[in-house]
Amino acid sequence: MDKKELKEELSQFIYQNRRKIIGALVGLIIGILILTIGFFKTLLLCLTTLLGYYFGMRWRFEEDLKDFILRIIPERFK
């Protein structure tokens, strides 16, 4: 088996098992974070990351952010 065949088989394996590999990497990163910074800080980090992802997917940045800020700011500051 030469390098080209090995590279082709490896890329095909990664493509077929990409969800498993991503899940394993996420689990590894979370495990390392728990060991280094603690459970509750890791939990807070994961929650804020998911919240940021949610808002990032939901907002059309320029228009929605402008409307959101205008709703927060009272009338006298407009």
C-alpha atoms as a PDB file:
ATOM      1  CA  MET A   1       0.000   0.000   0.000  1.00  0.00           C
ATOM      2  CA  ASP A   2       1.534   3.268  -1.071  1.00  0.00           C
ATOM      3  CA  LYS A   3       1.006   6.727   0.390  1.00  0.00           C
ATOM      4  CA  LYS A   4      -1.710   7.689  -2.076  1.00  0.00           C
ATOM      5  CA  GLU A   5      -3.860   4.637  -1.253  1.00  0.00           C
ATOM      6  CA  LEU A   6      -3.324   5.138   2.466  1.00  0.00           C
ATOM      7  CA  LYS A   7      -4.294   8.797   2.213  1.00  0.00           C
ATOM      8  CA  GLU A   8      -7.414   7.888   0.217  1.00  0.00           C
ATOM      9  CA  GLU A   9      -8.501   5.211   2.733  1.00  0.00           C
ATOM     10  CA  LEU A  10      -7.826   7.511   5.685  1.00  0.00           C
ATOM     11  CA  SER A  11      -9.822  10.377   4.174  1.00  0.00           C
ATOM     12  CA  GLN A  12     -12.675   7.990   3.363  1.00  0.00           C
ATOM     13  CA  PHE A  13     -12.626   6.619   6.945  1.00  0.00           C
ATOM     14  CA  ILE A  14     -12.686  10.134   8.386  1.00  0.00           C
ATOM     15  CA  TYR A  15     -15.553  11.138   6.086  1.00  0.00           C
ATOM     16  CA  GLN A  16     -17.623   8.077   7.010  1.00  0.00           C
ATOM     17  CA  ASN A  17     -17.015   8.523  10.748  1.00  0.00           C
ATOM     18  CA  ARG A  18     -16.857  12.322  10.999  1.00  0.00           C
ATOM     19  CA  ARG A  19     -19.635  12.618  13.600  1.00  0.00           C
ATOM     20  CA  LYS A  20     -17.984  10.050  15.847  1.00  0.00           C
ATOM     21  CA  ILE A  21     -14.626  11.779  15.492  1.00  0.00           C
ATOM     22  CA  ILE A  22     -16.096  15.230  16.221  1.00  0.00           C
ATOM     23  CA  GLY A  23     -17.935  13.831  19.245  1.00  0.00           C
ATOM     24  CA  ALA A  24     -14.759  12.236  20.547  1.00  0.00           C
ATOM     25  CA  LEU A  25     -12.805  15.477  20.109  1.00  0.00           C
ATOM     26  CA  VAL A  26     -15.512  17.503  21.886  1.00  0.00           C
ATOM     27  CA  GLY A  27     -15.502  14.971  24.719  1.00  0.00           C
ATOM     28  CA  LEU A  28     -11.719  15.156  24.955  1.00  0.00           C
ATOM     29  CA  ILE A  29     -11.743  18.952  25.082  1.00  0.00           C
ATOM     30  CA  ILE A  30     -14.482  19.025  27.741  1.00  0.00           C
ATOM     31  CA  GLY A  31     -12.622  16.414  29.783  1.00  0.00           C
ATOM     32  CA  ILE A  32      -9.414  18.437  29.655  1.00  0.00           C
ATOM     33  CA  LEU A  33     -11.316  21.593  30.637  1.00  0.00           C
ATOM     34  CA  ILE A  34     -12.946  19.834  33.607  1.00  0.00           C
ATOM     35  CA  LEU A  35      -9.571  18.605  34.817  1.00  0.00           C
ATOM     36  CA  THR A  36      -7.848  21.967  34.416  1.00  0.00           C
ATOM     37  CA  ILE A  37     -10.448  24.606  35.357  1.00  0.00           C
ATOM     38  CA  GLY A  38     -13.117  22.601  37.178  1.00  0.00           C
ATOM     39  CA  PHE A  39     -16.625  21.345  36.522  1.00  0.00           C
ATOM     40  CA  PHE A  40     -18.696  24.487  37.105  1.00  0.00           C
ATOM     41  CA  LYS A  41     -16.392  26.783  35.126  1.00  0.00           C
ATOM     42  CA  THR A  42     -16.452  24.289  32.270  1.00  0.00           C
ATOM     43  CA  LEU A  43     -20.233  24.096  32.479  1.00  0.00           C
ATOM     44  CA  LEU A  44     -20.471  27.893  32.370  1.00  0.00           C
ATOM     45  CA  LEU A  45     -18.084  28.000  29.401  1.00  0.00           C
ATOM     46  CA  CYS A  46     -20.146  25.420  27.503  1.00  0.00           C
ATOM     47  CA  LEU A  47     -23.419  27.208  28.264  1.00  0.00           C
ATOM     48  CA  THR A  48     -22.114  30.599  27.156  1.00  0.00           C
ATOM     49  CA  THR A  49     -20.659  29.049  24.000  1.00  0.00           C
ATOM     50  CA  LEU A  50     -23.997  27.427  23.141  1.00  0.00           C
ATOM     51  CA  LEU A  51     -25.815  30.683  23.898  1.00  0.00           C
ATOM     52  CA  GLY A  52     -23.444  32.587  21.619  1.00  0.00           C
ATOM     53  CA  TYR A  53     -23.918  30.005  18.889  1.00  0.00           C
ATOM     54  CA  TYR A  54     -27.705  30.268  19.233  1.00  0.00           C
ATOM     55  CA  PHE A  55     -27.712  34.051  18.973  1.00  0.00           C
ATOM     56  CA  GLY A  56     -25.212  33.947  16.134  1.00  0.00           C
ATOM     57  CA  MET A  57     -27.452  31.618  14.134  1.00  0.00           C
ATOM     58  CA  ARG A  58     -30.608  33.554  14.969  1.00  0.00           C
ATOM     59  CA  TRP A  59     -29.558  37.124  14.258  1.00  0.00           C
ATOM     60  CA  ARG A  60     -28.970  38.708  10.933  1.00  0.00           C
ATOM     61  CA  PHE A  61     -26.203  40.703  12.523  1.00  0.00           C
ATOM     62  CA  GLU A  62     -26.614  44.230  11.222  1.00  0.00           C
ATOM     63  CA  GLU A  63     -30.401  44.593  11.131  1.00  0.00           C
ATOM     64  CA  ASP A  64     -31.416  42.476  14.105  1.00  0.00           C
ATOM     65  CA  LEU A  65     -28.678  43.771  16.387  1.00  0.00           C
ATOM     66  CA  LYS A  66     -29.672  47.355  15.599  1.00  0.00           C
ATOM     67  CA  ASP A  67     -33.339  46.575  16.397  1.00  0.00           C
ATOM     68  CA  PHE A  68     -32.335  44.770  19.608  1.00  0.00           C
ATOM     69  CA  ILE A  69     -30.230  47.708  20.811  1.00  0.00           C
ATOM     70  CA  LEU A  70     -33.008  50.179  19.977  1.00  0.00           C
ATOM     71  CA  ARG A  71     -35.456  48.114  22.065  1.00  0.00           C
ATOM     72  CA  ILE A  72     -33.072  48.130  25.047  1.00  0.00           C
ATOM     73  CA  ILE A  73     -32.199  51.821  24.926  1.00  0.00           C
ATOM     74  CA  PRO A  74     -34.946  54.037  26.383  1.00  0.00           C
ATOM     75  CA  GLU A  75     -36.639  56.589  24.140  1.00  0.00           C
ATOM     76  CA  ARG A  76     -34.715  59.568  25.550  1.00  0.00           C
ATOM     77  CA  PHE A  77     -31.368  58.216  24.279  1.00  0.00           C
ATOM     78  CA  LYS A  78     -32.444  57.776  20.635  1.00  0.00           C
END
